[in-house]
Structure formats: C-alpha cells, structure tokens
C-alpha cells in the first residue's frame, strides 16, 4: 500500500460521522478526502529513534558508575540517585505544558524543543570536569531531564499521525525502542569509558571523553531534526486519523484532560502501568548497588546486566508491536505481558544470591524481556481506550504517573535495600506487580480506535 492514494469510502464516512469541517467552517463530504501513506514515515521514525536514544542514554549515565562518580565529586549516593530521579521529578509538572505544545503546534516543534535542550544540557556537562563542579553536571543533567518531556509522549502520536492501521502498533513499539536503545547505551558505555581508579586524573579523563561523545551525538541529532523532521503528512494515513484530526481542531486541551481522567478504564491503566514501569525504574537506578553487594568490583558487569535487561526488552517491544498489529488483542496482550513481568521479578529475586554472576545475566534478561517490553503495549492499549483524544496527551499522563510512582518506588526500594537488604526490597516490588495484575484484569476491553477502523 506504499504511497497509494485511496478515496475515502463510505466506511470512512461512518467512522468520521459522515462529514468533516473545512478550514472555512463549511461542511464537506468525507468522500472528497484522500488517505495516503507516505514512504517518508520511516525517516520520521528513524529520526525519532535517534533523538530518543540520545536523551535516554543520559538517564543512568551516573547511576551505573555510582561508586566512581561519588569518589570523583566526593558526593553522597543520594545525590547520584538524584541524577536519574531528576528525570522523574521534572517530568511531573512539565508534562502538561509539553503535551499542550505537542497537541497545538505539532510534532516538529515539540521535537525541536526537546532536541535543543538535550544538546545544550549535554554541552553544559562538558564544563563540569572538576571535582568541585558537581552542581554544574547536575544542572546539565536537569536540562536533559526537562527535554525528556518532549520525548516520552511522542511514540504513540508519531505512529498514529504517520502510519496506517496495520502498522501503527509496530511503529509505536519501534518508537519506544529508541528510548530503550538509549538506556542500553547508558548501561554499556559509562563503565567502559570511565575507569574505577584511585587516580582522580584517570577518572577525569574518562568523564571528559564520555561527556564530549554525548555532546557531539546530541548536536548531530539536533541538526538532522532541524533539516528533516516534519510534523505530519499532508493527508492522514487512516480513517481513524481523519476523525482524530477534526477532534484535535475542536477540542480544548483542558476538556481533553477531563475526558481522560473520567475514563475509568484509562484511570485503571494509569495506575497499573505506573506500577509496572516504576519497578523497572527502581531496579535500573539501584542496580549498581544491588549487584556490587554480591559481586564487588564488577562495575562492568553491572552495565552489561543493565544492557541485557534493556536489549531483551527491545526485542520484546518489537514482538509485542507485531502481535498487536496482527491480532488487535490489546487487553489480552497487556495482561499476559504483565503476568510474565510478575513471574520474571520472582525469578530475579530468588537468584540474586547465586554464586555465579552469569545466572544474574539470564534472570535479569528474562525480567527485562517482559517488564521493558510492556512499555509500547501500555501505550497502545491507552490509545485504544481513549480514542479520539490525542495519543500524546494520553501517553503524557501515563508517563506523568510513571514518574510519580518511579520516585516513590525508587526511594522505597533504596530504603528497603539499606534497611533489610535486597530480598525484602524485591519482595515489595513483586507485591506491587501483583496489585497491577489485578487492576489490569478489571480494565474494560473497550477498543474505541479499532471500532473506528470499520
């Protein structure tokens, strides 16, 4: 169906209420509207993947080498944890203005704002190379975190705006893949670039190299976005998008938020999704402390285990996206993946004290396959439950709740880890996932977007 133009049929007319409003305010039959799927959609998706990865690779840039950064800057573990938690803290108040900009000005402006802040924050960190400049590195990290508000809500929106009904879930999963790819890079390279050394000069050289590499990459991504990224194609790619474009024109942002928060199924998904991804955030943030307890001196293994969690999750994300496009079983897939997350967390918990670190690679990979793979599944289920409200707004609220839960769970996990050890900390996460499963079961299977694709 590549680049194929099709006159909107009577089915589209039914899906869009048998009419659309023209710019002049008159009425025009839907039969006059074209639907077209553009080859350029893949370029938009690839650019977004690079953009998202360039931001998320900085999320755990410090936490994954927490002991080294603490030694260099002479700061507490709490401040190192804050370099990742700042992503959660800034997202909560800023997601609402970011979602408003996304809905009213389109993808291009939102992505440019994010890419600009991402590059600027990365360059600020270049100037933090000195043992008394932690405040500068934290300032740069904060600006990068603020830029995240223009990223996390985009995959579902970009997929709906550019891709046809048989590719939208796969496109969303690939968009989420960008975030996971960046996290994987963030786990892998800091331990390789920054050595654990008693010589401050060696650590300084490693940090300088890491900061320059990241700044260069984010600048390149910014340039590519400025030249090539577009908000939307001239014609919509699906009948559902026809309706949604009209809805966005007529709906105010506040009214859209009100509709989302009075949608019972969506509210239940908000809480269950928040629990699931918050568990991932807590484990990822404190993975360095958990693994080094059992395997001292294995900083590079911490990075590789984190990489394993994310890489298996990237594979799962793509698989789940294809499954959703083929079956359209959104609730069933969401519930199945959630149940597997719960089982994976139990397996991870009971194998941590094993004598072989390679066992941890396997169990962490199992956990990552499902808990990271849940990300696009939740996005797409939310889009189904809330259609025709904008996907960016629905995804933005999802991520806002994730950040709230992420802060709470990370602090709880850290407290339990210090007070009673990793066993009780992980048991608490298992209980939380069990609650999330129960909430998912009672979500109504109301697939509004699918019903519009008649």
Protein backbone atom coordinates (compact mmCIF):
# COMPACT_ATOMS: atom_id res chain seq x y z
CA UNK A 1 0.00 0.00 0.00
CA UNK A 2 3.12 2.16 -0.30
CA UNK A 3 2.34 5.71 -1.42
CA UNK A 4 -1.08 4.58 -2.56
CA UNK A 5 -3.86 7.13 -2.78
CA UNK A 6 -7.36 5.96 -1.98
CA UNK A 7 -10.58 7.93 -1.93
CA UNK A 8 -12.21 7.65 1.47
CA UNK A 9 -15.01 5.14 1.21
CA UNK A 10 -18.40 5.04 2.86
CA UNK A 11 -16.76 3.17 5.73
CA UNK A 12 -14.58 6.19 6.45
CA UNK A 13 -17.68 8.33 6.31
CA UNK A 14 -19.25 6.24 9.04
CA UNK A 15 -16.09 6.35 11.15
CA UNK A 16 -15.86 10.14 10.95
CA UNK A 17 -19.51 10.95 11.39
CA UNK A 18 -20.18 11.23 7.62
CA UNK A 19 -18.51 14.64 7.34
CA UNK A 20 -15.51 16.81 8.13
CA UNK A 21 -15.32 20.55 8.59
CA UNK A 22 -13.31 22.56 6.10
CA UNK A 23 -10.99 25.36 7.16
CA UNK A 24 -13.63 27.87 6.09
CA UNK A 25 -16.05 26.32 8.56
CA UNK A 26 -18.33 24.72 5.97
CA UNK A 27 -19.17 21.06 5.55
CA UNK A 28 -17.52 18.74 3.07
CA UNK A 29 -18.33 15.09 2.40
CA UNK A 30 -15.67 12.67 3.53
CA UNK A 31 -15.68 11.11 0.06
CA UNK A 32 -13.58 14.10 -1.10
CA UNK A 33 -10.83 13.48 1.45
CA UNK A 34 -7.75 11.48 0.50
CA UNK A 35 -5.98 8.96 2.66
CA UNK A 36 -2.33 8.43 1.81
CA UNK A 37 0.52 6.51 3.39
CA UNK A 38 3.93 8.09 2.76
CA UNK A 39 7.32 6.39 2.44
CA UNK A 40 8.76 9.32 4.38
CA UNK A 41 7.14 7.90 7.54
CA UNK A 42 10.15 5.63 8.05
CA UNK A 43 12.57 8.58 8.00
CA UNK A 44 10.48 10.31 10.68
CA UNK A 45 10.55 7.17 12.81
CA UNK A 46 14.32 6.66 12.45
CA UNK A 47 15.00 10.30 13.36
CA UNK A 48 12.81 9.97 16.43
CA UNK A 49 14.58 6.77 17.50
CA UNK A 50 17.96 8.55 17.32
CA UNK A 51 16.57 11.58 19.15
CA UNK A 52 15.00 9.49 21.92
CA UNK A 53 18.13 7.35 22.35
CA UNK A 54 20.37 10.42 22.62
CA UNK A 55 18.31 11.56 25.60
CA UNK A 56 17.65 8.32 27.45
CA UNK A 57 21.29 7.21 27.30
CA UNK A 58 21.97 10.02 29.80
CA UNK A 59 19.34 8.89 32.32
CA UNK A 60 21.62 6.35 34.07
CA UNK A 61 24.89 7.93 32.95
CA UNK A 62 25.92 8.48 36.57
CA UNK A 63 23.97 5.80 38.45
CA UNK A 64 25.55 2.92 36.56
CA UNK A 65 29.01 4.07 37.76
CA UNK A 66 27.72 5.47 41.06
CA UNK A 67 30.73 4.43 43.15
CA UNK A 68 33.17 6.07 40.69
CA UNK A 69 31.23 9.35 40.42
CA UNK A 70 30.84 9.50 44.22
CA UNK A 71 34.60 9.16 44.56
CA UNK A 72 35.39 11.80 41.93
CA UNK A 73 32.93 14.50 43.04
CA UNK A 74 33.00 13.48 46.73
CA UNK A 75 29.21 13.39 46.98
CA UNK A 76 26.71 11.02 48.61
CA UNK A 77 24.90 8.11 46.95
CA UNK A 78 21.66 10.07 47.37
CA UNK A 79 22.93 12.84 45.05
CA UNK A 80 23.97 10.25 42.47
CA UNK A 81 20.50 8.67 42.68
CA UNK A 82 19.06 12.15 42.13
CA UNK A 83 20.81 12.41 38.75
CA UNK A 84 18.38 9.77 37.49
CA UNK A 85 15.42 10.71 39.70
CA UNK A 86 15.54 14.28 38.33
CA UNK A 87 14.13 12.83 35.10
CA UNK A 88 11.07 11.75 37.07
CA UNK A 89 10.78 14.89 39.18
CA UNK A 90 10.87 17.38 36.29
CA UNK A 91 8.50 15.35 34.13
CA UNK A 92 5.56 15.58 36.53
CA UNK A 93 4.89 19.37 36.40
CA UNK A 94 6.19 19.89 32.85
CA UNK A 95 4.25 17.18 31.02
CA UNK A 96 1.11 19.33 30.87
CA UNK A 97 2.68 22.31 29.04
CA UNK A 98 4.68 19.87 26.89
CA UNK A 99 1.51 17.95 25.93
CA UNK A 100 -0.25 21.22 25.15
CA UNK A 101 2.58 22.27 22.82
CA UNK A 102 2.54 18.84 21.17
CA UNK A 103 -1.22 18.97 20.53
CA UNK A 104 -1.39 22.59 19.40
CA UNK A 105 1.85 23.05 17.45
CA UNK A 106 2.56 19.54 16.24
CA UNK A 107 5.36 17.05 16.43
CA UNK A 108 8.05 19.15 14.74
CA UNK A 109 8.10 21.99 17.27
CA UNK A 110 7.90 19.63 20.23
CA UNK A 111 10.78 17.53 18.92
CA UNK A 112 12.92 20.59 18.13
CA UNK A 113 12.42 21.98 21.66
CA UNK A 114 13.46 18.65 23.13
CA UNK A 115 16.48 18.18 20.87
CA UNK A 116 17.71 21.71 21.58
CA UNK A 117 17.50 21.27 25.36
CA UNK A 118 19.08 17.84 25.10
CA UNK A 119 22.11 19.15 23.21
CA UNK A 120 22.51 22.21 25.44
CA UNK A 121 22.36 20.12 28.62
CA UNK A 122 24.96 17.73 27.21
CA UNK A 123 27.36 20.61 26.49
CA UNK A 124 26.88 22.05 29.98
CA UNK A 125 28.14 18.75 31.40
CA UNK A 126 31.32 19.10 29.35
CA UNK A 127 32.20 22.07 31.59
CA UNK A 128 31.70 20.11 34.82
CA UNK A 129 35.09 18.40 34.71
CA UNK A 130 36.49 19.33 38.11
CA UNK A 131 35.98 17.69 41.47
CA UNK A 132 34.13 20.71 42.86
CA UNK A 133 31.70 21.13 39.92
CA UNK A 134 29.04 18.56 40.68
CA UNK A 135 26.47 21.36 40.66
CA UNK A 136 27.32 22.09 37.02
CA UNK A 137 26.98 18.48 35.97
CA UNK A 138 23.67 18.30 37.83
CA UNK A 139 22.49 21.47 36.08
CA UNK A 140 23.25 19.92 32.69
CA UNK A 141 21.53 16.69 33.72
CA UNK A 142 18.46 18.65 34.81
CA UNK A 143 18.18 20.36 31.42
CA UNK A 144 18.47 16.97 29.70
CA UNK A 145 15.74 15.69 32.03
CA UNK A 146 13.45 18.60 31.15
CA UNK A 147 13.94 17.76 27.46
CA UNK A 148 12.57 14.28 28.15
CA UNK A 149 9.07 15.78 28.47
CA UNK A 150 9.16 16.34 24.70
CA UNK A 151 10.08 12.71 24.01
CA UNK A 152 8.21 10.13 26.07
CA UNK A 153 4.75 11.10 24.80
CA UNK A 154 5.72 11.11 21.14
CA UNK A 155 5.86 7.42 20.01
CA UNK A 156 2.11 6.75 20.07
CA UNK A 157 1.39 10.15 18.48
CA UNK A 158 4.00 9.79 15.75
CA UNK A 159 2.77 6.28 14.92
CA UNK A 160 -0.85 7.42 14.62
CA UNK A 161 -0.04 10.52 12.56
CA UNK A 162 2.28 8.84 10.02
CA UNK A 163 1.39 5.12 9.89
CA UNK A 164 -1.58 3.15 8.60
CA UNK A 165 -3.84 0.99 10.79
CA UNK A 166 -1.88 -2.22 10.13
CA UNK A 167 1.45 -0.70 11.19
CA UNK A 168 0.58 1.73 13.97
CA UNK A 169 1.34 -0.61 16.91
CA UNK A 170 4.60 -1.79 15.34
CA UNK A 171 5.62 1.84 14.69
CA UNK A 172 4.84 2.75 18.31
CA UNK A 173 6.93 -0.17 19.56
CA UNK A 174 9.86 0.92 17.36
CA UNK A 175 9.48 4.47 18.73
CA UNK A 176 9.69 3.12 22.28
CA UNK A 177 12.64 1.02 21.09
CA UNK A 178 14.59 4.31 20.76
CA UNK A 179 14.21 5.04 24.46
CA UNK A 180 15.32 1.52 25.35
CA UNK A 181 18.25 1.68 22.94
CA UNK A 182 19.50 4.81 24.69
CA UNK A 183 19.16 3.19 28.12
CA UNK A 184 21.11 0.19 26.83
CA UNK A 185 23.89 2.51 25.63
CA UNK A 186 23.79 4.25 29.01
CA UNK A 187 24.30 0.94 30.79
CA UNK A 188 27.08 -0.27 28.49
CA UNK A 189 29.47 2.60 27.79
CA UNK A 190 29.98 4.61 31.03
CA UNK A 191 31.66 1.64 32.79
CA UNK A 192 33.84 1.13 29.70
CA UNK A 193 34.79 4.81 29.33
CA UNK A 194 35.22 5.79 33.00
CA UNK A 195 37.66 3.54 34.91
CA UNK A 196 37.32 2.67 38.58
CA UNK A 197 40.67 4.07 39.66
CA UNK A 198 42.20 5.59 42.76
CA UNK A 199 43.84 8.13 40.46
CA UNK A 200 41.47 11.09 40.05
CA UNK A 201 43.18 12.05 36.79
CA UNK A 202 42.21 8.73 35.18
CA UNK A 203 38.59 9.17 36.21
CA UNK A 204 38.66 12.74 34.92
CA UNK A 205 39.91 11.66 31.50
CA UNK A 206 37.15 9.08 31.27
CA UNK A 207 34.42 11.53 32.27
CA UNK A 208 35.71 14.15 29.80
CA UNK A 209 35.68 11.62 26.95
CA UNK A 210 32.18 10.46 27.84
CA UNK A 211 30.78 13.99 28.05
CA UNK A 212 32.30 15.04 24.71
CA UNK A 213 30.99 11.96 22.91
CA UNK A 214 27.46 12.54 24.23
CA UNK A 215 27.54 16.26 23.39
CA UNK A 216 28.68 15.52 19.85
CA UNK A 217 25.95 12.93 19.28
CA UNK A 218 23.16 15.13 20.63
CA UNK A 219 24.32 18.02 18.44
CA UNK A 220 24.30 15.81 15.35
CA UNK A 221 20.77 14.64 16.16
CA UNK A 222 19.62 18.26 16.60
CA UNK A 223 20.96 19.19 13.15
CA UNK A 224 19.25 16.20 11.50
CA UNK A 225 15.93 17.07 13.13
CA UNK A 226 16.12 20.73 12.10
CA UNK A 227 16.62 19.76 8.46
CA UNK A 228 14.45 16.68 8.01
CA UNK A 229 11.80 16.13 10.71
CA UNK A 230 8.19 17.03 9.80
CA UNK A 231 5.08 17.26 11.98
CA UNK A 232 2.59 15.34 9.85
CA UNK A 233 1.91 14.26 6.26
CA UNK A 234 -0.45 16.38 4.13
CA UNK A 235 -3.09 13.63 4.11
CA UNK A 236 -4.00 11.32 7.02
CA UNK A 237 -2.89 7.66 6.87
CA UNK A 238 -6.13 6.13 8.20
CA UNK A 239 -9.83 6.75 8.69
CA UNK A 240 -9.31 6.87 12.45
CA UNK A 241 -6.81 9.69 11.94
CA UNK A 242 -9.40 11.60 9.91
CA UNK A 243 -11.67 11.70 12.94
CA UNK A 244 -8.86 12.50 15.31
CA UNK A 245 -7.56 15.45 13.29
CA UNK A 246 -11.00 17.01 13.45
CA UNK A 247 -11.28 16.24 17.16
CA UNK A 248 -7.95 17.96 17.88
CA UNK A 249 -9.11 21.08 16.00
CA UNK A 250 -12.31 21.36 18.04
CA UNK A 251 -11.27 20.01 21.44
CA UNK A 252 -9.64 22.22 24.08
CA UNK A 253 -6.69 20.80 25.99
CA UNK A 254 -8.42 21.09 29.36
CA UNK A 255 -11.53 19.31 28.09
CA UNK A 256 -9.37 16.53 26.70
CA UNK A 257 -7.66 16.09 30.08
CA UNK A 258 -11.06 15.98 31.80
CA UNK A 259 -12.30 13.27 29.43
CA UNK A 260 -9.19 11.19 30.05
CA UNK A 261 -9.46 11.44 33.83
CA UNK A 262 -13.14 10.44 33.79
CA UNK A 263 -12.44 7.37 31.64
CA UNK A 264 -12.48 4.54 34.20
CA UNK A 265 -10.60 2.06 32.04
CA UNK A 266 -7.87 4.58 31.33
CA UNK A 267 -7.53 5.53 35.02
CA UNK A 268 -7.10 1.86 35.94
CA UNK A 269 -4.45 1.56 33.24
CA UNK A 270 -2.73 4.69 34.58
CA UNK A 271 -2.18 3.04 37.95
CA UNK A 272 -1.27 -0.44 36.67
CA UNK A 273 1.11 1.00 34.04
CA UNK A 274 2.67 3.31 36.63
CA UNK A 275 3.38 0.39 38.96
CA UNK A 276 4.98 -1.76 36.25
CA UNK A 277 7.36 0.83 34.82
CA UNK A 278 8.17 2.24 38.28
CA UNK A 279 9.52 -1.19 39.24
CA UNK A 280 11.79 -1.03 36.19
CA UNK A 281 12.94 2.48 37.16
CA UNK A 282 13.72 1.44 40.74
CA UNK A 283 15.72 -1.63 39.75
CA UNK A 284 17.60 0.19 36.97
CA UNK A 285 18.52 3.13 39.22
CA UNK A 286 19.86 0.95 42.06
CA UNK A 287 21.23 -1.95 40.01
CA UNK A 288 24.81 -0.85 40.72
CA UNK A 289 24.28 -1.12 44.48
CA UNK A 290 22.41 -4.44 44.28
CA UNK A 291 24.93 -6.26 42.06
CA UNK A 292 28.06 -4.92 43.76
CA UNK A 293 26.76 -6.22 47.10
CA UNK A 294 27.21 -9.77 45.82
CA UNK A 295 29.95 -9.19 43.26
CA UNK A 296 32.31 -6.39 44.40
CA UNK A 297 34.46 -4.87 41.67
CA UNK A 298 32.13 -5.97 38.86
CA UNK A 299 31.16 -2.48 37.67
CA UNK A 300 31.36 -3.52 34.02
CA UNK A 301 29.09 -6.47 34.73
CA UNK A 302 26.53 -4.06 36.21
CA UNK A 303 26.50 -2.19 32.92
CA UNK A 304 26.23 -5.41 30.92
CA UNK A 305 23.41 -6.75 33.10
CA UNK A 306 21.55 -3.48 32.65
CA UNK A 307 22.23 -3.77 28.93
CA UNK A 308 20.80 -7.30 28.97
CA UNK A 309 17.61 -6.07 30.66
CA UNK A 310 17.10 -3.41 28.03
CA UNK A 311 18.15 -5.43 24.96
CA UNK A 312 15.80 -8.30 25.74
CA UNK A 313 13.10 -5.69 26.34
CA UNK A 314 13.77 -4.10 22.94
CA UNK A 315 13.23 -7.48 21.30
CA UNK A 316 10.03 -7.98 23.28
CA UNK A 317 8.78 -4.49 22.34
CA UNK A 318 9.04 -5.21 18.63
CA UNK A 319 7.48 -8.67 19.01
CA UNK A 320 4.57 -7.25 21.02
CA UNK A 321 4.02 -4.49 18.47
CA UNK A 322 3.76 -7.04 15.67
CA UNK A 323 1.41 -9.19 17.77
CA UNK A 324 -0.87 -6.21 18.42
CA UNK A 325 -0.98 -5.29 14.72
CA UNK A 326 -1.78 -8.88 13.74
CA UNK A 327 -4.30 -9.78 16.46
CA UNK A 328 -5.63 -6.48 17.86
CA UNK A 329 -5.87 -8.28 21.24
CA UNK A 330 -4.82 -5.28 23.30
CA UNK A 331 -6.14 -6.19 26.75
CA UNK A 332 -5.18 -9.85 26.43
CA UNK A 333 -1.62 -8.97 25.39
CA UNK A 334 -1.32 -6.38 28.16
CA UNK A 335 -2.45 -8.88 30.80
CA UNK A 336 -0.22 -11.67 29.51
CA UNK A 337 2.88 -9.47 29.48
CA UNK A 338 2.06 -8.13 32.97
CA UNK A 339 1.74 -11.64 34.37
CA UNK A 340 5.10 -12.56 32.86
CA UNK A 341 6.63 -9.44 34.46
CA UNK A 342 5.46 -10.70 37.84
CA UNK A 343 6.95 -14.16 37.25
CA UNK A 344 10.18 -12.63 35.95
CA UNK A 345 10.52 -10.48 39.08
CA UNK A 346 10.13 -13.52 41.30
CA UNK A 347 12.82 -15.40 39.37
CA UNK A 348 15.18 -12.39 39.58
CA UNK A 349 14.58 -12.11 43.34
CA UNK A 350 15.37 -15.72 44.24
CA UNK A 351 18.53 -15.95 42.11
CA UNK A 352 20.41 -12.83 43.23
CA UNK A 353 22.45 -14.62 45.89
CA UNK A 354 23.58 -17.30 43.44
CA UNK A 355 27.33 -17.78 43.30
CA UNK A 356 27.53 -17.34 39.53
CA UNK A 357 27.07 -13.87 38.07
CA UNK A 358 26.05 -15.36 34.72
CA UNK A 359 22.88 -16.65 36.36
CA UNK A 360 22.02 -12.99 37.05
CA UNK A 361 22.51 -12.20 33.35
CA UNK A 362 19.91 -14.85 32.48
CA UNK A 363 17.32 -13.95 35.12
CA UNK A 364 17.74 -10.21 34.54
CA UNK A 365 17.27 -10.84 30.82
CA UNK A 366 14.02 -12.72 31.49
CA UNK A 367 12.75 -9.87 33.66
CA UNK A 368 13.80 -7.26 31.10
CA UNK A 369 12.16 -9.12 28.22
CA UNK A 370 8.74 -8.60 29.76
CA UNK A 371 8.97 -5.53 32.01
CA UNK A 372 10.66 -3.37 29.36
CA UNK A 373 8.58 -4.89 26.59
CA UNK A 374 5.44 -3.75 28.41
CA UNK A 375 6.13 -0.09 27.53
CA UNK A 376 4.65 0.05 24.00
CA UNK A 377 1.86 -2.38 24.92
CA UNK A 378 0.62 0.01 27.57
CA UNK A 379 0.87 2.99 25.19
CA UNK A 380 -1.20 1.25 22.53
CA UNK A 381 -3.83 -0.01 24.97
CA UNK A 382 -4.17 3.56 26.27
CA UNK A 383 -4.64 4.84 22.70
CA UNK A 384 -7.44 2.31 22.20
CA UNK A 385 -9.19 3.18 25.46
CA UNK A 386 -9.05 6.95 24.94
CA UNK A 387 -9.63 7.43 21.18
CA UNK A 388 -10.27 10.00 19.69
CA UNK A 389 -8.37 12.01 22.32
CA UNK A 390 -4.78 12.83 21.22
CA UNK A 391 -2.31 9.98 21.81
CA UNK A 392 0.30 12.47 23.02
CA UNK A 393 -1.93 13.65 25.86
CA UNK A 394 -2.89 10.12 26.89
CA UNK A 395 0.73 8.95 26.76
CA UNK A 396 1.85 12.10 28.60
CA UNK A 397 -0.44 11.37 31.53
CA UNK A 398 0.71 7.76 31.56
CA UNK A 399 4.31 8.89 31.83
CA UNK A 400 3.49 11.51 34.46
CA UNK A 401 2.01 8.81 36.69
CA UNK A 402 5.06 6.65 35.95
CA UNK A 403 7.34 9.42 37.21
CA UNK A 404 5.33 9.80 40.44
CA UNK A 405 5.39 6.07 41.04
CA UNK A 406 9.02 5.94 39.91
CA UNK A 407 10.11 8.42 42.58
CA UNK A 408 8.14 6.60 45.27
CA UNK A 409 9.32 3.14 44.24
CA UNK A 410 12.96 4.19 43.83
CA UNK A 411 13.01 5.76 47.29
CA UNK A 412 11.17 2.76 48.78
CA UNK A 413 13.49 0.31 47.06
CA UNK A 414 16.54 2.25 48.25
CA UNK A 415 15.21 2.41 51.82
CA UNK A 416 14.40 -1.31 51.97
CA UNK A 417 17.72 -2.14 50.33
CA UNK A 418 19.62 -0.24 53.02
CA UNK A 419 17.41 -1.33 55.91
CA UNK A 420 16.65 -5.01 55.27
CA UNK A 421 18.52 -5.93 52.10
CA UNK A 422 17.66 -6.75 48.51
CA UNK A 423 15.36 -9.70 49.33
CA UNK A 424 12.71 -7.58 51.05
CA UNK A 425 13.17 -4.77 48.56
CA UNK A 426 12.43 -7.17 45.70
CA UNK A 427 9.53 -8.81 47.54
CA UNK A 428 7.93 -5.36 47.81
CA UNK A 429 8.27 -4.97 44.04
CA UNK A 430 6.66 -8.39 43.50
CA UNK A 431 3.69 -7.41 45.66
CA UNK A 432 3.28 -4.18 43.70
CA UNK A 433 3.27 -6.08 40.40
CA UNK A 434 0.64 -8.44 41.81
CA UNK A 435 -1.61 -5.46 42.53
CA UNK A 436 -1.00 -4.22 38.98
CA UNK A 437 -2.18 -7.55 37.56
CA UNK A 438 -5.46 -7.33 39.49
CA UNK A 439 -6.05 -3.79 38.20
CA UNK A 440 -5.35 -4.88 34.62
CA UNK A 441 -7.90 -7.70 34.88
CA UNK A 442 -10.74 -5.27 35.64
CA UNK A 443 -9.92 -2.79 32.83
CA UNK A 444 -12.82 -2.88 30.34
CA UNK A 445 -11.91 -4.16 26.88
CA UNK A 446 -13.18 -1.01 25.15
CA UNK A 447 -11.22 -0.75 21.88
CA UNK A 448 -12.52 2.57 20.56
CA UNK A 449 -9.84 3.14 17.92
CA UNK A 450 -10.36 -0.33 16.48
CA UNK A 451 -14.10 0.31 16.28
CA UNK A 452 -13.37 3.45 14.22
CA UNK A 453 -11.42 1.44 11.65
CA UNK A 454 -14.53 -0.01 10.06
